[in-house]
Amino acid sequence: MSDSPTSLADLRGIVAEMEGRGTHGRGAGIVTGHAGLDAAGLVRGRLHEVFGDGGSGAAAGFAALMAFSAAAAAPVVWLRTDAAARRAPLYGPGLGELGIDPAACIVAQAPDEAALLSATVDALRVAALGAVIAESVGRTRAFGLTGTRRLTLAAEASGVPLFLLRIDAEPAPSAAETRWRVGAAPSRALAADAPGHPVFAVELLRRRAGPAGPGWRVEWDRDARVFREAPLSGAVVPVAPRGAAGARRAHRVA
């Protein structure tokens, strides 16, 4: 990932150079290492929506990890509106801490959601890409049924998965294969009280091919490059004093 974002004109040049360089398995499942996620309908050549708030960065981290899990060694294009870039600039060393190679990430900015939609369609036409992330902030009509159908058709044609990252937005009708809401969750410290692996609270809101799923707490292991069920964080839940609990029991009996 370069220090400055690629312009849309530069991105079109990159797209033109890469067009026609092979393809990936259309409709193949994206292997994450977590049985629940793997069975939830995360497949290539489809649109997957990821919703989250702008405070924790958990949704962006989850979308990035899913995209790079799908991509293997192929490059990932991360498209962002200017508003998204102002809210939270991407940080290459931060991606590296997650086990993501920043050099495999092509970042470009679009002035608004309409330009983001157009650039995303262009990127999805490149079968040589591993995945595409498109990030916007707040409510927009660009990614309604009409816009997401365009994206779905482009993803299906190339076999490239799209992760539509919606920050501080509410779900609305769309053509997405799956829809997720992601937040941060407490992690368990490692040896010597070192920071633990990133943990995400993940909820499957919608699955086109079946019912919505339950929620999971998943941990990302950067060394193994897989998600797994998160262990308990070790946080202690306060318990009422014995006397107070006994008083409440006596009150209920009375």
Protein backbone atom coordinates (compact mmCIF):
# COMPACT_ATOMS: atom_id res chain seq x y z
CA MET A 1 0.00 0.00 0.00
CA SER A 2 1.48 3.34 -1.04
CA ASP A 3 1.58 6.32 1.30
CA SER A 4 -0.93 8.22 -0.84
CA PRO A 5 -4.15 6.80 -2.30
CA THR A 6 -4.39 5.97 -5.97
CA SER A 7 -6.53 8.28 -8.10
CA LEU A 8 -9.47 6.79 -9.97
CA ALA A 9 -7.65 7.50 -13.25
CA ASP A 10 -4.62 5.54 -12.03
CA LEU A 11 -6.92 2.75 -10.87
CA ARG A 12 -8.47 2.46 -14.33
CA GLY A 13 -4.96 2.06 -15.76
CA ILE A 14 -4.18 -0.69 -13.27
CA VAL A 15 -7.50 -2.35 -14.08
CA ALA A 16 -6.77 -2.24 -17.81
CA GLU A 17 -3.37 -3.90 -17.28
CA MET A 18 -4.82 -6.69 -15.14
CA GLU A 19 -7.91 -7.54 -17.19
CA GLY A 20 -7.93 -11.05 -18.57
CA ARG A 21 -5.31 -12.48 -16.20
CA GLY A 22 -7.11 -15.61 -15.11
CA THR A 23 -10.06 -16.12 -12.81
CA HIS A 24 -10.94 -17.68 -9.47
CA GLY A 25 -13.59 -20.29 -8.69
CA ARG A 26 -16.96 -18.58 -9.04
CA GLY A 27 -19.26 -19.44 -6.16
CA ALA A 28 -16.50 -21.20 -4.20
CA GLY A 29 -16.65 -20.81 -0.46
CA ILE A 30 -14.30 -18.46 1.37
CA VAL A 31 -12.42 -20.48 3.99
CA THR A 32 -11.99 -18.59 7.25
CA GLY A 33 -11.18 -21.42 9.67
CA HIS A 34 -14.34 -20.79 11.71
CA ALA A 35 -17.08 -23.36 11.06
CA GLY A 36 -19.94 -20.93 11.61
CA LEU A 37 -18.56 -18.29 9.26
CA ASP A 38 -17.64 -20.89 6.64
CA ALA A 39 -21.22 -22.22 6.62
CA ALA A 40 -22.85 -18.77 6.47
CA GLY A 41 -22.80 -18.27 2.71
CA LEU A 42 -19.51 -16.39 2.29
CA VAL A 43 -18.71 -17.27 -1.30
CA ARG A 44 -16.70 -15.77 -4.12
CA GLY A 45 -18.37 -13.81 -6.87
CA ARG A 46 -20.97 -12.31 -4.55
CA LEU A 47 -21.69 -9.10 -2.68
CA HIS A 48 -21.35 -9.20 1.11
CA GLU A 49 -22.41 -6.19 3.22
CA VAL A 50 -20.59 -5.39 6.46
CA PHE A 51 -22.14 -2.80 8.80
CA GLY A 52 -20.49 -1.22 11.82
CA ASP A 53 -20.01 1.99 13.72
CA GLY A 54 -17.13 4.34 13.07
CA GLY A 55 -15.75 4.28 16.59
CA SER A 56 -13.95 0.95 16.96
CA GLY A 57 -12.80 0.12 13.43
CA ALA A 58 -13.95 -3.47 14.01
CA ALA A 59 -16.14 -3.64 10.90
CA ALA A 60 -13.31 -2.35 8.69
CA GLY A 61 -10.89 -4.84 10.24
CA PHE A 62 -13.30 -7.72 9.74
CA ALA A 63 -14.01 -6.76 6.12
CA ALA A 64 -10.27 -6.49 5.41
CA LEU A 65 -9.53 -9.87 6.95
CA MET A 66 -12.37 -11.52 5.04
CA ALA A 67 -11.19 -9.93 1.78
CA PHE A 68 -7.58 -11.03 2.25
CA SER A 69 -8.72 -14.51 3.33
CA ALA A 70 -10.58 -14.75 0.02
CA ALA A 71 -7.73 -13.25 -2.00
CA ALA A 72 -4.92 -15.61 -0.98
CA ALA A 73 -1.94 -14.22 -2.92
CA ALA A 74 -3.97 -12.07 -5.33
CA PRO A 75 -4.19 -8.28 -4.84
CA VAL A 76 -7.11 -6.59 -3.10
CA VAL A 77 -8.55 -3.24 -4.20
CA TRP A 78 -9.86 -1.07 -1.35
CA LEU A 79 -12.04 1.78 -2.61
CA ARG A 80 -13.12 4.55 -0.22
CA THR A 81 -15.04 7.77 -0.43
CA ASP A 82 -13.20 10.92 0.56
CA ALA A 83 -15.45 11.08 3.63
CA ALA A 84 -14.35 7.60 4.70
CA ALA A 85 -10.69 8.50 4.23
CA ARG A 86 -11.06 11.66 6.32
CA ARG A 87 -12.78 9.72 9.07
CA ALA A 88 -10.09 7.06 9.40
CA PRO A 89 -6.99 7.04 7.15
CA LEU A 90 -5.67 3.57 6.37
CA TYR A 91 -2.41 2.75 8.14
CA GLY A 92 -0.08 0.26 6.45
CA PRO A 93 1.72 -0.93 9.63
CA GLY A 94 -1.70 -1.50 11.20
CA LEU A 95 -2.60 -3.86 8.37
CA GLY A 96 0.74 -5.55 8.88
CA GLU A 97 -0.11 -6.17 12.54
CA LEU A 98 -3.13 -8.14 11.33
CA GLY A 99 -0.91 -10.26 9.10
CA ILE A 100 -1.97 -8.43 5.93
CA ASP A 101 0.72 -7.49 3.40
CA PRO A 102 0.13 -3.78 2.65
CA ALA A 103 1.90 -4.21 -0.69
CA ALA A 104 -0.97 -6.45 -1.82
CA CYS A 105 -3.53 -3.70 -1.21
CA ILE A 106 -4.38 -1.11 -3.87
CA VAL A 107 -6.18 1.85 -2.27
CA ALA A 108 -8.13 4.44 -4.24
CA GLN A 109 -10.47 7.25 -3.22
CA ALA A 110 -13.69 8.45 -4.82
CA PRO A 111 -15.22 11.89 -4.22
CA ASP A 112 -18.70 10.55 -3.47
CA GLU A 113 -20.83 7.40 -3.40
CA ALA A 114 -21.83 7.63 -7.07
CA ALA A 115 -18.18 7.64 -8.12
CA LEU A 116 -17.47 4.85 -5.63
CA LEU A 117 -20.20 2.71 -7.19
CA SER A 118 -18.82 3.25 -10.70
CA ALA A 119 -15.22 2.53 -9.67
CA THR A 120 -16.29 -0.61 -7.80
CA VAL A 121 -18.07 -1.98 -10.86
CA ASP A 122 -14.90 -1.34 -12.90
CA ALA A 123 -12.70 -3.09 -10.33
CA LEU A 124 -15.01 -6.10 -10.08
CA ARG A 125 -14.61 -6.75 -13.79
CA VAL A 126 -10.96 -7.70 -13.23
CA ALA A 127 -10.90 -11.46 -12.65
CA ALA A 128 -7.26 -11.33 -11.51
CA LEU A 129 -8.19 -9.52 -8.31
CA GLY A 130 -8.57 -11.48 -5.10
CA ALA A 131 -11.32 -9.28 -3.66
CA VAL A 132 -12.69 -5.74 -3.61
CA ILE A 133 -13.65 -3.64 -0.59
CA ALA A 134 -15.88 -0.58 -1.12
CA GLU A 135 -16.22 1.69 1.93
CA SER A 136 -18.67 4.52 2.52
CA VAL A 137 -19.91 6.47 5.54
CA GLY A 138 -23.48 7.30 6.49
CA ARG A 139 -26.74 6.95 4.60
CA THR A 140 -26.68 6.81 0.82
CA ARG A 141 -29.07 5.83 -1.96
CA ALA A 142 -26.23 4.65 -4.21
CA PHE A 143 -26.21 1.17 -2.66
CA GLY A 144 -29.93 0.46 -2.82
CA LEU A 145 -31.43 -2.34 -4.88
CA THR A 146 -30.43 -0.89 -8.27
CA GLY A 147 -26.84 -0.12 -7.30
CA THR A 148 -26.23 -3.42 -5.52
CA ARG A 149 -27.69 -5.36 -8.44
CA ARG A 150 -25.07 -3.74 -10.69
CA LEU A 151 -22.38 -4.75 -8.22
CA THR A 152 -23.72 -8.29 -7.91
CA LEU A 153 -23.78 -8.82 -11.68
CA ALA A 154 -20.19 -7.58 -11.98
CA ALA A 155 -19.03 -9.82 -9.10
CA GLU A 156 -20.80 -12.87 -10.51
CA ALA A 157 -19.27 -12.33 -13.95
CA SER A 158 -15.68 -12.20 -12.69
CA GLY A 159 -15.88 -14.42 -9.63
CA VAL A 160 -14.37 -11.65 -7.48
CA PRO A 161 -16.03 -11.17 -4.06
CA LEU A 162 -17.08 -7.70 -2.95
CA PHE A 163 -17.20 -6.58 0.67
CA LEU A 164 -19.38 -3.48 0.86
CA LEU A 165 -18.29 -1.75 4.06
CA ARG A 166 -21.03 0.51 5.43
CA ILE A 167 -19.95 2.65 8.39
CA ASP A 168 -22.56 4.46 10.50
CA ALA A 169 -25.32 3.31 8.15
CA GLU A 170 -28.49 1.28 8.59
CA PRO A 171 -29.31 -1.83 6.53
CA ALA A 172 -31.80 -1.38 3.68
CA PRO A 173 -33.09 -3.67 0.91
CA SER A 174 -30.23 -4.76 -1.36
CA ALA A 175 -29.04 -7.58 -3.59
CA ALA A 176 -26.36 -8.72 -1.13
CA GLU A 177 -25.70 -12.42 -0.65
CA THR A 178 -25.00 -11.91 3.06
CA ARG A 179 -25.29 -9.00 5.47
CA TRP A 180 -23.25 -8.69 8.67
CA ARG A 181 -23.07 -6.40 11.66
CA VAL A 182 -19.66 -6.33 13.33
CA GLY A 183 -18.41 -4.77 16.55
CA ALA A 184 -15.41 -5.08 18.81
CA ALA A 185 -15.28 -7.57 21.69
CA PRO A 186 -12.87 -7.97 24.63
CA SER A 187 -9.80 -10.09 23.95
CA ARG A 188 -7.79 -12.31 26.28
CA ALA A 189 -4.30 -11.05 27.09
CA LEU A 190 -1.36 -13.16 25.98
CA ALA A 191 1.70 -14.09 28.04
CA ALA A 192 3.32 -11.27 30.02
CA ASP A 193 0.05 -9.35 29.70
CA ALA A 194 0.69 -8.66 25.99
CA PRO A 195 -2.33 -7.53 23.95
CA GLY A 196 -4.44 -10.44 22.80
CA HIS A 197 -5.62 -11.38 19.34
CA PRO A 198 -8.33 -9.14 17.83
CA VAL A 199 -11.83 -10.33 18.72
CA PHE A 200 -14.98 -9.45 16.80
CA ALA A 201 -18.64 -9.70 17.78
CA VAL A 202 -20.22 -10.86 14.51
CA GLU A 203 -23.92 -11.14 13.69
CA LEU A 204 -25.31 -12.55 10.44
CA LEU A 205 -28.28 -10.30 9.72
CA ARG A 206 -29.26 -11.75 6.36
CA ARG A 207 -28.41 -14.70 4.16
CA ARG A 208 -29.90 -14.85 0.70
CA ALA A 209 -29.76 -18.64 0.48
CA GLY A 210 -31.14 -19.38 3.92
CA PRO A 211 -32.05 -18.05 7.36
CA ALA A 212 -29.98 -15.54 9.24
CA GLY A 213 -27.51 -17.07 11.63
CA PRO A 214 -26.65 -16.61 15.27
CA GLY A 215 -24.00 -14.31 16.61
CA TRP A 216 -20.40 -15.36 17.18
CA ARG A 217 -17.38 -14.03 19.00
CA VAL A 218 -14.47 -14.79 16.70
CA GLU A 219 -10.76 -14.29 17.23
CA TRP A 220 -8.27 -13.63 14.44
CA ASP A 221 -4.99 -15.55 14.66
CA ARG A 222 -2.55 -13.60 12.51
CA ASP A 223 0.08 -16.33 12.54
CA ALA A 224 -2.27 -19.10 11.36
CA ARG A 225 -4.30 -16.58 9.31
CA VAL A 226 -7.61 -18.03 10.45
CA PHE A 227 -10.61 -17.10 12.54
CA ARG A 228 -11.50 -19.27 15.49
CA GLU A 229 -14.02 -19.21 18.32
CA ALA A 230 -12.87 -16.57 20.80
CA PRO A 231 -11.98 -17.73 24.30
CA LEU A 232 -13.41 -15.97 27.30
CA SER A 233 -11.69 -12.63 27.84
CA GLY A 234 -11.11 -13.20 31.54
CA ALA A 235 -13.20 -10.18 32.48
CA VAL A 236 -14.76 -10.50 35.92
CA VAL A 237 -18.48 -9.88 36.33
CA PRO A 238 -19.24 -8.18 39.67
CA VAL A 239 -21.37 -10.24 42.04
CA ALA A 240 -23.69 -8.72 44.60
CA PRO A 241 -22.53 -9.03 48.23
CA ARG A 242 -23.86 -12.08 50.03
CA GLY A 243 -25.96 -9.97 52.36
CA ALA A 244 -27.59 -8.02 49.57
CA ALA A 245 -28.35 -11.17 47.58
CA GLY A 246 -29.81 -12.80 50.68
CA ALA A 247 -31.96 -9.75 51.35
CA ARG A 248 -33.37 -9.87 47.80
CA ARG A 249 -34.18 -13.59 48.17
CA ALA A 250 -35.94 -12.93 51.46
CA HIS A 251 -37.94 -10.13 49.85
CA ARG A 252 -39.07 -12.40 46.99
CA VAL A 253 -40.12 -15.15 49.43
CA ALA A 254 -42.14 -12.66 51.48
